[in-house]
Amino acid sequence: MAIAQQPRADWGEASEKLPEICPNTDCTGGKGCRERVRDYLRTQYRMQSRRDANRRGTVRT
């Protein structure tokens, strides 16, 4: 996903540019493009934050 390759600080702005409703008639995502991508990015953000915390030794449980 191209948005995930950008710096995390840019993810919100980039996801705003996505269509709210999927323009594809055969989409099986179950929700709009923007919401699905934001869900994915939230997961990626948490994973990257935990990896960064692990490297720093500041993991919270």
PDB file of N, CA and C in Angstrom:
ATOM      1  N   MET A   1       0.859  -1.169   0.000  1.00  0.00           N
ATOM      2  CA  MET A   1       0.000   0.000   0.000  1.00  0.00           C
ATOM      3  C   MET A   1       0.907   1.234   0.000  1.00  0.00           C
ATOM      4  N   ALA A   2       0.699   2.095  -0.942  1.00  0.00           N
ATOM      5  CA  ALA A   2       1.572   3.257  -1.140  1.00  0.00           C
ATOM      6  C   ALA A   2       1.549   4.215   0.047  1.00  0.00           C
ATOM      7  N   ILE A   3       0.408   4.383   0.682  1.00  0.00           N
ATOM      8  CA  ILE A   3       0.322   5.321   1.813  1.00  0.00           C
ATOM      9  C   ILE A   3       1.218   4.857   2.954  1.00  0.00           C
ATOM     10  N   ALA A   4       1.263   3.577   3.203  1.00  0.00           N
ATOM     11  CA  ALA A   4       2.066   3.045   4.304  1.00  0.00           C
ATOM     12  C   ALA A   4       3.564   3.249   4.080  1.00  0.00           C
ATOM     13  N   GLN A   5       3.970   3.503   2.843  1.00  0.00           N
ATOM     14  CA  GLN A   5       5.377   3.752   2.546  1.00  0.00           C
ATOM     15  C   GLN A   5       5.781   5.191   2.867  1.00  0.00           C
ATOM     16  N   GLN A   6       4.795   6.068   3.059  1.00  0.00           N
ATOM     17  CA  GLN A   6       5.063   7.465   3.391  1.00  0.00           C
ATOM     18  C   GLN A   6       5.364   7.582   4.881  1.00  0.00           C
ATOM     19  N   PRO A   7       5.919   8.711   5.314  1.00  0.00           N
ATOM     20  CA  PRO A   7       6.121   8.918   6.757  1.00  0.00           C
ATOM     21  C   PRO A   7       4.776   8.865   7.497  1.00  0.00           C
ATOM     22  N   ARG A   8       4.790   8.320   8.693  1.00  0.00           N
ATOM     23  CA  ARG A   8       3.548   8.183   9.462  1.00  0.00           C
ATOM     24  C   ARG A   8       2.815   9.502   9.642  1.00  0.00           C
ATOM     25  N   ALA A   9       3.531  10.594   9.740  1.00  0.00           N
ATOM     26  CA  ALA A   9       2.895  11.897   9.934  1.00  0.00           C
ATOM     27  C   ALA A   9       2.019  12.288   8.746  1.00  0.00           C
ATOM     28  N   ASP A  10       2.247  11.684   7.594  1.00  0.00           N
ATOM     29  CA  ASP A  10       1.484  12.026   6.387  1.00  0.00           C
ATOM     30  C   ASP A  10       0.300  11.101   6.132  1.00  0.00           C
ATOM     31  N   TRP A  11       0.144  10.075   6.922  1.00  0.00           N
ATOM     32  CA  TRP A  11      -0.899   9.093   6.667  1.00  0.00           C
ATOM     33  C   TRP A  11      -2.306   9.677   6.721  1.00  0.00           C
ATOM     34  N   GLY A  12      -2.583  10.526   7.685  1.00  0.00           N
ATOM     35  CA  GLY A  12      -3.923  11.098   7.822  1.00  0.00           C
ATOM     36  C   GLY A  12      -4.317  11.914   6.606  1.00  0.00           C
ATOM     37  N   GLU A  13      -3.426  12.763   6.171  1.00  0.00           N
ATOM     38  CA  GLU A  13      -3.703  13.602   5.002  1.00  0.00           C
ATOM     39  C   GLU A  13      -3.862  12.752   3.738  1.00  0.00           C
ATOM     40  N   ALA A  14      -3.025  11.756   3.587  1.00  0.00           N
ATOM     41  CA  ALA A  14      -3.097  10.896   2.402  1.00  0.00           C
ATOM     42  C   ALA A  14      -4.391  10.088   2.380  1.00  0.00           C
ATOM     43  N   SER A  15      -4.835   9.617   3.540  1.00  0.00           N
ATOM     44  CA  SER A  15      -6.069   8.827   3.568  1.00  0.00           C
ATOM     45  C   SER A  15      -7.297   9.696   3.308  1.00  0.00           C
ATOM     46  N   GLU A  16      -7.227  10.975   3.609  1.00  0.00           N
ATOM     47  CA  GLU A  16      -8.337  11.891   3.318  1.00  0.00           C
ATOM     48  C   GLU A  16      -8.606  11.993   1.824  1.00  0.00           C
ATOM     49  N   LYS A  17      -7.601  11.753   1.016  1.00  0.00           N
ATOM     50  CA  LYS A  17      -7.739  11.876  -0.433  1.00  0.00           C
ATOM     51  C   LYS A  17      -8.416  10.658  -1.062  1.00  0.00           C
ATOM     52  N   LEU A  18      -8.559   9.584  -0.298  1.00  0.00           N
ATOM     53  CA  LEU A  18      -9.200   8.375  -0.819  1.00  0.00           C
ATOM     54  C   LEU A  18     -10.714   8.567  -0.876  1.00  0.00           C
ATOM     55  N   PRO A  19     -11.372   7.876  -1.812  1.00  0.00           N
ATOM     56  CA  PRO A  19     -12.831   7.981  -1.874  1.00  0.00           C
ATOM     57  C   PRO A  19     -13.463   7.345  -0.642  1.00  0.00           C
ATOM     58  N   GLU A  20     -14.502   7.981  -0.144  1.00  0.00           N
ATOM     59  CA  GLU A  20     -15.185   7.432   1.028  1.00  0.00           C
ATOM     60  C   GLU A  20     -15.908   6.141   0.668  1.00  0.00           C
ATOM     61  N   ILE A  21     -16.529   6.123  -0.491  1.00  0.00           N
ATOM     62  CA  ILE A  21     -17.241   4.943  -0.979  1.00  0.00           C
ATOM     63  C   ILE A  21     -16.451   4.372  -2.146  1.00  0.00           C
ATOM     64  N   CYS A  22     -16.245   3.069  -2.144  1.00  0.00           N
ATOM     65  CA  CYS A  22     -15.442   2.422  -3.182  1.00  0.00           C
ATOM     66  C   CYS A  22     -16.106   2.595  -4.547  1.00  0.00           C
ATOM     67  N   PRO A  23     -15.360   3.057  -5.543  1.00  0.00           N
ATOM     68  CA  PRO A  23     -15.918   3.238  -6.876  1.00  0.00           C
ATOM     69  C   PRO A  23     -16.064   1.929  -7.664  1.00  0.00           C
ATOM     70  N   ASN A  24     -15.500   0.847  -7.167  1.00  0.00           N
ATOM     71  CA  ASN A  24     -15.578  -0.444  -7.863  1.00  0.00           C
ATOM     72  C   ASN A  24     -16.868  -1.163  -7.501  1.00  0.00           C
ATOM     73  N   THR A  25     -17.580  -1.635  -8.488  1.00  0.00           N
ATOM     74  CA  THR A  25     -18.847  -2.321  -8.230  1.00  0.00           C
ATOM     75  C   THR A  25     -18.647  -3.730  -7.689  1.00  0.00           C
ATOM     76  N   ASP A  26     -17.463  -4.310  -7.862  1.00  0.00           N
ATOM     77  CA  ASP A  26     -17.209  -5.669  -7.397  1.00  0.00           C
ATOM     78  C   ASP A  26     -16.386  -5.719  -6.109  1.00  0.00           C
ATOM     79  N   CYS A  27     -16.341  -4.620  -5.381  1.00  0.00           N
ATOM     80  CA  CYS A  27     -15.557  -4.551  -4.153  1.00  0.00           C
ATOM     81  C   CYS A  27     -16.169  -5.453  -3.086  1.00  0.00           C
ATOM     82  N   THR A  28     -15.331  -6.189  -2.385  1.00  0.00           N
ATOM     83  CA  THR A  28     -15.808  -7.078  -1.325  1.00  0.00           C
ATOM     84  C   THR A  28     -15.299  -6.628   0.045  1.00  0.00           C
ATOM     85  N   GLY A  29     -14.836  -5.383   0.130  1.00  0.00           N
ATOM     86  CA  GLY A  29     -14.273  -4.879   1.379  1.00  0.00           C
ATOM     87  C   GLY A  29     -15.279  -4.698   2.497  1.00  0.00           C
ATOM     88  N   GLY A  30     -16.539  -4.487   2.148  1.00  0.00           N
ATOM     89  CA  GLY A  30     -17.568  -4.351   3.164  1.00  0.00           C
ATOM     90  C   GLY A  30     -17.688  -2.972   3.768  1.00  0.00           C
ATOM     91  N   LYS A  31     -16.747  -2.100   3.495  1.00  0.00           N
ATOM     92  CA  LYS A  31     -16.801  -0.723   3.965  1.00  0.00           C
ATOM     93  C   LYS A  31     -16.105   0.142   2.936  1.00  0.00           C
ATOM     94  N   GLY A  32     -16.176   1.415   3.099  1.00  0.00           N
ATOM     95  CA  GLY A  32     -15.562   2.310   2.133  1.00  0.00           C
ATOM     96  C   GLY A  32     -14.050   2.212   2.116  1.00  0.00           C
ATOM     97  N   CYS A  33     -13.472   2.638   0.996  1.00  0.00           N
ATOM     98  CA  CYS A  33     -12.006   2.586   0.828  1.00  0.00           C
ATOM     99  C   CYS A  33     -11.291   3.331   1.950  1.00  0.00           C
ATOM    100  N   ARG A  34     -11.757   4.534   2.243  1.00  0.00           N
ATOM    101  CA  ARG A  34     -11.082   5.364   3.246  1.00  0.00           C
ATOM    102  C   ARG A  34     -11.085   4.675   4.608  1.00  0.00           C
ATOM    103  N   GLU A  35     -12.233   4.148   5.015  1.00  0.00           N
ATOM    104  CA  GLU A  35     -12.322   3.497   6.329  1.00  0.00           C
ATOM    105  C   GLU A  35     -11.460   2.245   6.390  1.00  0.00           C
ATOM    106  N   ARG A  36     -11.455   1.453   5.315  1.00  0.00           N
ATOM    107  CA  ARG A  36     -10.653   0.223   5.291  1.00  0.00           C
ATOM    108  C   ARG A  36      -9.165   0.543   5.369  1.00  0.00           C
ATOM    109  N   VAL A  37      -8.723   1.553   4.629  1.00  0.00           N
ATOM    110  CA  VAL A  37      -7.311   1.930   4.651  1.00  0.00           C
ATOM    111  C   VAL A  37      -6.934   2.496   6.013  1.00  0.00           C
ATOM    112  N   ARG A  38      -7.800   3.290   6.609  1.00  0.00           N
ATOM    113  CA  ARG A  38      -7.508   3.838   7.945  1.00  0.00           C
ATOM    114  C   ARG A  38      -7.389   2.733   8.976  1.00  0.00           C
ATOM    115  N   ASP A  39      -8.248   1.726   8.900  1.00  0.00           N
ATOM    116  CA  ASP A  39      -8.126   0.583   9.811  1.00  0.00           C
ATOM    117  C   ASP A  39      -6.766  -0.085   9.647  1.00  0.00           C
ATOM    118  N   TYR A  40      -6.354  -0.293   8.411  1.00  0.00           N
ATOM    119  CA  TYR A  40      -5.058  -0.902   8.124  1.00  0.00           C
ATOM    120  C   TYR A  40      -3.924  -0.041   8.681  1.00  0.00           C
ATOM    121  N   LEU A  41      -4.003   1.266   8.449  1.00  0.00           N
ATOM    122  CA  LEU A  41      -2.939   2.161   8.907  1.00  0.00           C
ATOM    123  C   LEU A  41      -2.865   2.233  10.429  1.00  0.00           C
ATOM    124  N   ARG A  42      -4.018   2.173  11.096  1.00  0.00           N
ATOM    125  CA  ARG A  42      -4.004   2.156  12.572  1.00  0.00           C
ATOM    126  C   ARG A  42      -3.248   0.941  13.081  1.00  0.00           C
ATOM    127  N   THR A  43      -3.486  -0.207  12.459  1.00  0.00           N
ATOM    128  CA  THR A  43      -2.786  -1.427  12.853  1.00  0.00           C
ATOM    129  C   THR A  43      -1.290  -1.285  12.594  1.00  0.00           C
ATOM    130  N   GLN A  44      -0.927  -0.771  11.425  1.00  0.00           N
ATOM    131  CA  GLN A  44       0.478  -0.577  11.095  1.00  0.00           C
ATOM    132  C   GLN A  44       1.147   0.400  12.060  1.00  0.00           C
ATOM    133  N   TYR A  45       0.445   1.466  12.414  1.00  0.00           N
ATOM    134  CA  TYR A  45       0.988   2.470  13.327  1.00  0.00           C
ATOM    135  C   TYR A  45       1.297   1.835  14.690  1.00  0.00           C
ATOM    136  N   ARG A  46       0.340   1.037  15.197  1.00  0.00           N
ATOM    137  CA  ARG A  46       0.564   0.371  16.486  1.00  0.00           C
ATOM    138  C   ARG A  46       1.750  -0.570  16.428  1.00  0.00           C
ATOM    139  N   MET A  47       1.845  -1.337  15.351  1.00  0.00           N
ATOM    140  CA  MET A  47       2.954  -2.283  15.224  1.00  0.00           C
ATOM    141  C   MET A  47       4.292  -1.548  15.149  1.00  0.00           C
ATOM    142  N   GLN A  48       4.362  -0.491  14.368  1.00  0.00           N
ATOM    143  CA  GLN A  48       5.610   0.261  14.258  1.00  0.00           C
ATOM    144  C   GLN A  48       5.969   0.946  15.566  1.00  0.00           C
ATOM    145  N   SER A  49       4.968   1.457  16.261  1.00  0.00           N
ATOM    146  CA  SER A  49       5.225   2.099  17.552  1.00  0.00           C
ATOM    147  C   SER A  49       5.783   1.099  18.554  1.00  0.00           C
ATOM    148  N   ARG A  50       5.232  -0.113  18.551  1.00  0.00           N
ATOM    149  CA  ARG A  50       5.738  -1.147  19.467  1.00  0.00           C
ATOM    150  C   ARG A  50       7.157  -1.561  19.108  1.00  0.00           C
ATOM    151  N   ARG A  51       7.431  -1.681  17.809  1.00  0.00           N
ATOM    152  CA  ARG A  51       8.802  -2.016  17.393  1.00  0.00           C
ATOM    153  C   ARG A  51       9.780  -0.937  17.833  1.00  0.00           C
ATOM    154  N   ASP A  52       9.386   0.315  17.651  1.00  0.00           N
ATOM    155  CA  ASP A  52      10.242   1.427  18.082  1.00  0.00           C
ATOM    156  C   ASP A  52      10.462   1.385  19.594  1.00  0.00           C
ATOM    157  N   ALA A  53       9.396   1.107  20.343  1.00  0.00           N
ATOM    158  CA  ALA A  53       9.507   1.034  21.799  1.00  0.00           C
ATOM    159  C   ALA A  53      10.395  -0.133  22.210  1.00  0.00           C
ATOM    160  N   ASN A  54      10.282  -1.256  21.504  1.00  0.00           N
ATOM    161  CA  ASN A  54      11.145  -2.411  21.797  1.00  0.00           C
ATOM    162  C   ASN A  54      12.614  -2.051  21.610  1.00  0.00           C
ATOM    163  N   ARG A  55      12.897  -1.344  20.529  1.00  0.00           N
ATOM    164  CA  ARG A  55      14.282  -0.943  20.270  1.00  0.00           C
ATOM    165  C   ARG A  55      14.801  -0.013  21.349  1.00  0.00           C
ATOM    166  N   ARG A  56      13.936   0.840  21.863  1.00  0.00           N
ATOM    167  CA  ARG A  56      14.343   1.783  22.916  1.00  0.00           C
ATOM    168  C   ARG A  56      14.294   1.145  24.303  1.00  0.00           C
ATOM    169  N   GLY A  57      13.638  -0.005  24.421  1.00  0.00           N
ATOM    170  CA  GLY A  57      13.514  -0.656  25.720  1.00  0.00           C
ATOM    171  C   GLY A  57      12.451  -0.032  26.594  1.00  0.00           C
ATOM    172  N   THR A  58      11.443   0.581  25.987  1.00  0.00           N
ATOM    173  CA  THR A  58      10.380   1.255  26.734  1.00  0.00           C
ATOM    174  C   THR A  58       9.018   0.646  26.462  1.00  0.00           C
ATOM    175  N   VAL A  59       8.955  -0.670  26.341  1.00  0.00           N
ATOM    176  CA  VAL A  59       7.693  -1.352  26.037  1.00  0.00           C
ATOM    177  C   VAL A  59       6.772  -1.307  27.227  1.00  0.00           C
ATOM    178  N   ARG A  60       5.495  -0.947  26.950  1.00  0.00           N
ATOM    179  CA  ARG A  60       4.485  -0.968  28.011  1.00  0.00           C
ATOM    180  C   ARG A  60       3.637  -2.206  27.825  1.00  0.00           C
ATOM    181  N   THR A  61       3.262  -2.819  28.927  1.00  0.00           N
ATOM    182  CA  THR A  61       2.410  -4.017  28.844  1.00  0.00           C
ATOM    183  C   THR A  61       1.025  -3.717  29.295  1.00  0.00           C
TER     184      THR A  61
END
